[in-house]
Protein backbone atom coordinates (compact mmCIF):
# COMPACT_ATOMS: atom_id res chain seq x y z
CA MET A 1 28.95 173.55 119.65
CA GLY A 2 26.22 170.94 118.86
CA ARG A 3 22.55 171.37 118.39
CA PHE A 4 21.82 170.41 121.99
CA GLU A 5 24.50 172.95 123.40
CA ASP A 6 23.34 175.63 120.95
CA ALA A 7 19.76 175.31 122.05
CA LEU A 8 20.46 175.31 125.56
CA SER A 9 22.65 178.38 125.13
CA GLN A 10 19.71 180.18 123.53
CA ARG A 11 17.25 179.18 126.24
CA VAL A 12 19.26 180.16 129.10
CA GLY A 13 21.63 182.79 127.88
CA ARG A 14 25.47 182.89 127.79
CA ARG A 15 26.03 183.17 131.45
CA GLY A 16 23.64 180.40 132.32
CA PHE A 17 25.03 178.17 129.73
CA LEU A 18 28.51 178.66 131.07
CA ALA A 19 26.92 177.97 134.56
CA SER A 20 25.26 174.68 133.57
CA ALA A 21 28.47 173.54 131.49
CA GLY A 22 30.56 174.06 134.72
CA GLY A 23 28.28 172.10 136.89
CA ALA A 24 26.65 175.21 138.64
CA LEU A 25 22.90 174.49 137.39
CA PHE A 26 20.99 173.38 140.20
CA VAL A 27 17.42 172.59 140.88
CA CYS A 28 15.34 173.75 143.96
CA SER A 29 11.82 172.48 145.02
CA ILE A 30 9.94 175.44 146.75
CA GLY A 31 6.21 175.52 147.58
CA GLY A 32 5.52 172.60 145.46
CA ARG A 33 7.19 174.17 142.32
CA ARG A 34 10.40 173.09 140.78
CA PHE A 35 12.99 175.72 139.93
CA GLU A 36 16.01 175.36 137.58
CA ILE A 37 18.41 177.86 138.96
CA ALA A 38 20.66 178.68 135.81
CA SER A 39 20.75 182.46 135.82
CA GLU A 40 20.49 185.55 138.32
CA ARG A 41 16.96 185.87 137.28
CA ASP A 42 16.12 182.26 138.41
CA VAL A 43 17.59 183.13 141.81
CA ALA A 44 15.21 186.05 142.03
CA ARG A 45 12.17 183.78 141.16
CA ALA A 46 13.12 181.22 143.58
CA ASP A 47 13.36 183.71 146.25
CA ALA A 48 9.90 185.19 145.60
CA ALA A 49 8.41 181.82 145.61
CA ALA A 50 9.93 181.10 148.87
CA ALA A 51 8.80 184.39 150.22
CA ALA A 52 5.12 183.40 149.17
CA VAL A 53 5.31 180.17 151.19
CA ARG A 54 3.09 180.73 154.31
CA ARG A 55 3.22 178.82 157.46
CA PRO A 56 1.16 175.66 156.91
CA PRO A 57 -1.44 174.50 159.55
CA ARG A 58 -0.42 171.42 161.24
CA ALA A 59 -1.54 168.44 159.56
CA ARG A 60 -3.36 165.64 161.73
CA ARG A 61 -3.45 162.68 159.19
CA GLU A 62 -1.75 160.07 161.21
CA SER A 63 -1.43 159.58 165.06
CA VAL A 64 2.01 160.51 164.82
CA ASP A 65 1.32 163.94 163.73
CA SER A 66 -0.58 164.73 166.82
CA LEU A 67 2.06 163.73 169.24
CA SER A 68 3.41 166.08 171.58
CA PHE A 69 6.91 166.14 173.02
CA GLU A 70 8.67 167.11 176.17
CA THR A 71 11.73 169.25 176.02
CA PRO A 72 14.74 167.37 177.03
CA SER A 73 16.98 168.01 179.85
CA PRO A 74 20.58 167.16 180.45
CA ALA A 75 21.48 163.61 181.53
CA PRO A 76 22.90 163.23 185.04
CA GLY A 77 26.18 165.23 185.37
CA GLY A 78 25.47 166.83 181.93
CA ARG A 79 25.14 170.64 181.28
CA ARG A 80 22.59 172.93 179.57
CA ARG A 81 24.70 174.61 176.79
CA GLU A 82 23.08 177.63 175.39
CA TYR A 83 23.72 179.68 172.16
CA TRP A 84 22.10 182.72 170.47
CA LEU A 85 22.21 182.69 166.79
CA VAL A 86 20.64 185.33 164.26
CA ALA A 87 20.57 184.51 160.55
CA ARG A 88 21.70 187.85 158.48
CA PRO A 89 22.62 188.84 155.33
CA VAL A 90 25.79 190.11 154.66
CA ARG A 91 28.11 191.43 152.15
CA TRP A 92 30.80 188.53 151.71
CA SER A 93 34.14 188.75 149.87
CA VAL A 94 35.21 185.52 148.49
CA THR A 95 38.58 186.62 147.11
CA PRO A 96 39.41 189.84 149.51
CA SER A 97 43.14 189.86 148.34
CA GLY A 98 42.38 189.41 144.87
CA TYR A 99 45.63 187.26 144.63
CA ASP A 100 46.40 183.44 144.53
CA GLU A 101 49.52 183.13 146.72
CA TRP A 102 49.81 179.38 145.54
CA HIS A 103 50.03 180.22 141.76
CA ALA A 104 51.32 183.85 142.23
CA ARG A 105 48.49 185.20 140.10
CA ARG A 106 45.89 187.76 140.37
CA VAL A 107 42.40 186.47 140.61
CA PRO A 108 39.00 188.27 140.18
CA ARG A 109 37.72 190.10 143.31
CA ILE A 110 34.47 188.21 143.86
CA ALA A 111 31.66 189.16 146.41
CA LEU A 112 28.01 188.29 146.86
CA THR A 113 25.33 188.92 149.42
CA ALA A 114 25.69 186.00 151.59
CA LEU A 115 23.40 184.56 154.12
CA ALA A 116 24.96 183.53 157.51
CA TYR A 117 24.49 182.72 161.07
CA GLN A 118 25.80 185.40 163.65
CA PRO A 119 26.66 184.66 167.29
CA TRP A 120 24.81 186.88 169.96
CA SER A 121 25.26 187.12 173.78
CA ALA A 122 22.82 185.72 176.07
CA GLY A 123 19.03 187.04 175.46
CA PHE A 124 20.17 188.45 172.06
CA ALA A 125 21.61 191.59 174.14
CA ARG A 126 24.39 192.19 171.68
CA PRO A 127 26.36 190.79 168.64
CA LEU A 128 29.47 188.69 169.50
CA GLY A 129 30.94 189.16 166.13
CA PRO A 130 29.72 189.59 162.36
CA PRO A 131 27.67 187.15 160.40
CA ALA A 132 30.41 184.61 159.29
CA ILE A 133 30.82 181.74 157.04
CA PRO A 134 30.57 179.12 158.52
CA GLY A 135 28.56 180.10 161.48
CA PRO A 136 29.62 179.59 165.20
CA THR A 137 30.77 176.15 166.19
CA LEU A 138 28.48 174.71 168.73
CA GLU A 139 30.20 172.55 171.61
CA ALA A 140 28.79 169.75 173.87
CA GLU A 141 29.90 166.84 175.85
CA VAL A 142 28.02 163.58 176.14
CA GLY A 143 24.92 164.18 178.52
CA ASP A 144 24.64 167.82 177.88
CA THR A 145 21.81 169.38 175.95
CA LEU A 146 22.43 171.96 173.30
CA VAL A 147 19.74 175.01 173.63
CA VAL A 148 20.05 177.06 170.43
CA HIS A 149 18.06 180.20 170.44
CA PHE A 150 17.52 181.14 166.99
CA ARG A 151 16.19 184.60 165.38
CA ASN A 152 15.46 185.05 161.73
CA GLY A 153 17.09 188.41 161.13
CA ALA A 154 16.82 188.32 157.17
CA GLU A 155 13.68 190.54 157.20
CA ARG A 156 14.35 191.90 153.60
CA LEU A 157 14.59 188.39 152.32
CA ARG A 158 11.03 187.67 153.62
CA GLN A 159 11.58 183.98 153.83
CA ALA A 160 11.40 181.37 156.59
CA LEU A 161 14.60 179.98 157.88
CA THR A 162 15.57 177.42 160.40
CA VAL A 163 18.45 175.50 162.06
CA HIS A 164 18.59 171.79 161.14
CA PRO A 165 21.38 169.77 163.05
CA HIS A 166 22.97 166.45 162.18
CA GLY A 167 24.52 163.91 164.72
CA VAL A 168 22.64 164.88 167.75
CA ARG A 169 19.27 163.35 169.10
CA TYR A 170 16.12 165.55 168.81
CA ASN A 171 12.46 164.98 168.63
CA PRO A 172 10.31 166.21 165.77
CA GLU A 173 9.64 169.35 167.55
CA TYR A 174 13.21 170.48 167.16
CA ASP A 175 14.01 169.15 163.80
CA GLY A 176 14.44 172.45 162.19
CA ALA A 177 12.99 171.09 158.87
CA TYR A 178 10.16 172.43 156.71
CA LEU A 179 7.97 169.53 156.05
CA GLY A 180 4.95 171.04 154.05
CA GLU A 181 1.85 170.60 155.63
CA PHE A 182 3.39 168.57 158.36
CA THR A 183 5.75 171.31 159.32
CA ARG A 184 6.22 171.83 163.20
CA ALA A 185 7.22 175.28 164.85
CA GLY A 186 10.95 174.81 164.63
CA GLY A 187 10.45 174.18 160.68
CA PHE A 188 9.21 177.57 159.79
CA VAL A 189 10.77 180.69 161.53
CA ALA A 190 9.41 183.63 159.82
CA PRO A 191 11.50 186.87 159.43
CA GLY A 192 11.65 188.55 162.84
CA GLU A 193 10.45 185.55 164.87
CA GLU A 194 12.41 183.40 167.23
CA PHE A 195 12.65 179.79 168.00
CA THR A 196 14.64 177.70 170.60
CA TYR A 197 15.82 174.03 169.68
CA VAL A 198 16.86 171.77 172.30
CA TRP A 199 19.09 168.74 171.11
CA GLU A 200 20.83 165.87 173.23
CA ALA A 201 24.36 164.90 173.00
CA THR A 202 23.99 161.28 173.41
CA PRO A 203 26.90 158.71 173.35
CA ASP A 204 26.48 158.02 169.66
CA SER A 205 26.63 161.93 168.97
CA VAL A 206 30.25 161.77 169.41
CA GLY A 207 31.80 163.44 166.46
CA VAL A 208 31.87 166.64 164.02
CA TRP A 209 28.73 167.36 162.32
CA PRO A 210 27.07 170.04 160.23
CA TYR A 211 24.00 172.21 160.92
CA HIS A 212 22.25 174.28 158.22
CA ASP A 213 19.08 175.90 157.13
CA HIS A 214 16.24 173.55 156.20
CA GLY A 215 13.53 176.10 155.64
CA PRO A 216 11.24 176.34 152.26
CA ASN A 217 14.47 177.59 150.29
CA HIS A 218 17.04 175.32 151.99
CA THR A 219 19.07 174.49 148.96
CA LEU A 220 19.73 178.10 147.85
CA ASN A 221 20.16 179.44 151.52
CA THR A 222 22.75 176.70 152.28
CA PHE A 223 24.66 177.78 148.93
CA ARG A 224 24.55 181.32 150.25
CA GLY A 225 26.49 180.13 153.28
CA LEU A 226 23.73 179.53 155.93
CA PHE A 227 25.70 176.54 157.75
CA GLY A 228 28.05 175.78 160.71
CA ALA A 229 29.35 172.88 162.76
CA ILE A 230 28.55 170.87 165.91
CA ILE A 231 31.35 169.09 167.86
CA VAL A 232 30.52 166.64 170.53
CA ARG A 233 32.95 165.04 172.91
CA GLU A 234 33.16 162.35 175.28
CA ARG A 235 32.74 163.56 178.84
CA GLY A 236 35.84 165.08 180.06
CA ALA A 237 37.87 164.41 176.84
CA PRO A 238 40.96 166.56 176.20
CA ARG A 239 40.94 169.06 173.49
CA PRO A 240 43.55 168.86 170.76
CA SER A 241 46.23 171.60 170.96
CA ARG A 242 45.00 172.89 167.52
CA GLU A 243 41.50 172.37 166.02
CA TYR A 244 40.02 173.64 162.96
CA VAL A 245 36.74 173.18 160.97
CA LEU A 246 36.90 173.54 157.27
CA PHE A 247 33.79 173.42 154.97
CA LEU A 248 34.41 172.45 151.27
CA HIS A 249 31.69 174.28 149.45
CA ASN A 250 31.11 176.36 146.17
CA PHE A 251 29.27 179.72 145.28
CA PRO A 252 27.70 179.25 141.79
CA PRO A 253 27.90 182.23 139.40
CA GLN A 254 24.14 182.70 139.68
CA LEU A 255 24.73 184.01 143.31
CA THR A 256 28.35 186.02 142.43
CA ASN A 257 27.71 187.24 139.05
CA ALA A 258 31.00 185.88 138.20
CA GLU A 259 31.84 183.91 135.04
CA THR A 260 32.32 180.56 136.73
CA ILE A 261 31.79 178.63 139.65
CA VAL A 262 34.08 179.34 142.65
CA HIS A 263 35.12 176.35 144.86
CA CYS A 264 35.69 177.57 148.58
CA ILE A 265 36.84 176.65 151.98
CA ASN A 266 34.87 178.53 154.68
CA GLY A 267 33.56 181.08 152.22
CA ARG A 268 36.99 182.16 150.78
CA ALA A 269 38.79 180.91 147.51
CA PHE A 270 42.50 180.75 146.70
CA ALA A 271 45.43 180.42 149.00
CA GLY A 272 45.94 183.73 151.01
CA ASN A 273 42.25 184.08 151.29
CA THR A 274 41.28 180.88 152.75
CA PRO A 275 42.05 179.86 156.23
CA GLN A 276 45.55 179.73 157.19
CA LEU A 277 46.31 176.82 159.49
CA ARG A 278 48.92 176.98 162.11
CA ALA A 279 50.63 174.33 164.46
CA ARG A 280 53.83 173.63 166.19
CA VAL A 281 55.74 170.32 166.21
CA GLY A 282 54.68 168.22 169.08
CA GLU A 283 51.07 169.54 169.16
CA ARG A 284 48.08 167.39 168.66
CA VAL A 285 46.18 168.74 165.77
CA ALA A 286 42.61 167.92 164.59
CA ILE A 287 41.35 168.99 161.28
CA HIS A 288 37.56 168.49 160.74
CA VAL A 289 36.55 168.68 157.10
CA ILE A 290 32.83 168.76 156.12
CA GLY A 291 31.39 168.71 152.53
CA MET A 292 28.74 171.33 152.18
CA ASP A 293 27.62 171.35 148.47
CA SER A 294 26.44 168.86 145.79
CA ASN A 295 30.05 167.49 145.15
CA PHE A 296 32.37 164.89 146.43
CA HIS A 297 35.62 166.25 147.51
CA THR A 298 38.85 164.88 148.89
CA PHE A 299 41.16 166.20 151.57
CA HIS A 300 44.81 166.50 151.13
CA ILE A 301 47.84 167.91 153.32
CA HIS A 302 51.13 167.78 151.85
CA GLY A 303 53.84 166.30 154.02
CA HIS A 304 51.23 164.54 156.33
CA ARG A 305 49.33 161.30 156.80
CA TRP A 306 46.85 160.16 159.53
CA ARG A 307 44.83 157.12 160.40
CA ASP A 308 41.08 156.74 159.33
CA PRO A 309 38.61 155.16 161.52
CA ALA A 310 39.48 151.64 160.39
CA GLY A 311 43.17 152.34 161.53
CA GLN A 312 44.62 152.67 157.88
CA PHE A 313 47.02 155.56 157.18
CA VAL A 314 45.45 158.06 154.57
CA ASP A 315 46.49 161.24 153.07
CA CYS A 316 43.74 162.03 150.72
CA PRO A 317 40.14 160.57 151.87
CA THR A 318 37.03 161.21 150.28
CA LEU A 319 33.92 163.11 151.44
CA GLY A 320 30.43 163.72 150.07
CA PRO A 321 27.58 166.15 150.92
CA ASN A 322 27.20 166.85 154.67
CA GLU A 323 29.86 164.12 155.47
CA THR A 324 32.79 164.79 157.67
CA ILE A 325 36.45 163.40 157.94
CA THR A 326 38.89 164.15 160.58
CA ALA A 327 42.62 164.54 160.04
CA ALA A 328 44.13 163.92 163.44
CA PHE A 329 47.84 163.61 164.06
CA THR A 330 50.50 164.56 166.32
CA GLU A 331 52.65 167.13 164.45
CA ASP A 332 56.12 166.14 163.54
CA ASN A 333 56.92 167.93 160.23
CA PRO A 334 57.80 171.66 160.24
CA GLY A 335 57.47 173.92 157.25
CA ARG A 336 54.93 175.58 154.87
CA TRP A 337 52.49 172.98 153.59
CA LEU A 338 49.70 173.25 151.14
CA TYR A 339 46.16 171.59 151.95
CA HIS A 340 43.49 171.35 149.19
CA CYS A 341 40.97 169.22 147.71
CA HIS A 342 42.58 167.00 145.21
CA VAL A 343 39.73 167.03 142.63
CA PHE A 344 41.66 169.06 140.19
CA SER A 345 38.82 171.29 138.94
CA HIS A 346 38.23 172.13 142.56
CA GLN A 347 41.74 173.17 143.73
CA ASP A 348 42.36 175.29 140.68
CA ALA A 349 38.93 177.01 141.28
CA GLY A 350 40.12 178.06 144.61
CA MET A 351 39.81 175.14 147.16
CA ALA A 352 43.26 175.38 148.63
CA GLY A 353 45.06 176.91 151.33
CA TRP A 354 48.37 177.08 153.55
CA TYR A 355 49.17 174.92 156.75
CA ILE A 356 52.14 176.52 158.52
CA VAL A 357 54.02 174.23 161.02
CA ASP A 358 56.58 175.99 163.15
CA PRO A 359 59.48 174.05 164.76
């Protein structure tokens, strides 16, 4: 170990040094302060700083800051599609089986207190399932409005949370982003509070997009699992026979108390824990893959290839943070197939799973 590495190890401790060496060191800007997250203690400091952020008064520095906006309505023939989401902490098992079926080996049982979106019935009457990573997939067709009723149910975390979308059209009132003194109501939903976002599914919204927290502590809370997907289709477009959404992301050791970073698919790591995909020969398959960390990934399915948006056949396309690629094809190759990120350090740290094709 050189002088620099030795000095860094002494400053952040062994676990923090291992985290930084593995690429897990990350930086958060919260309440005007910069936090280097290299240890569990740093996570607690960042959370405390986020809890201390107060709702800012609305700034009026420029004329755009004083604009008011109407709530959009569906286009002619469109629908108002409503969802109720609650952000909740959940004790989350990353490796519930404790086993990697690909390499036939035991792996550590890793868990953390995650933060996830939970689906509820209309009016927040009852939960429709547990908080999960990713959160519910929100669907719309061109001409619809997505009406997302959001409640910050993470009272113990004591931080403002939000829902920020990609791909759809929205005005500044429904951005769902904390902007310091320029924050509007949807960018600061305090614990126990509710806010309704309204987004438009316009023709240029067709595709698959992420949504995620964009509150004062958005980096850390997105790492915790506070994200989901939006699917916008052409009006009347048929659905694929099989459709899956996969998020490629990681849990750093500062959150899991593990020795190293864990690379995940939908909150799980290693084949047998990650989502098992299934299809039959002859079915139309669409697998949407979204990057949801600070890394660049690739997506590869053994035995398969598909056309990219330019019409070229691919089998290992690249995607970056908050980018989406879609593997769409008619299934013709039965068997058990491996799917994984082809960044070797990612696949070997958990970013792999099974795709089962029945005849």
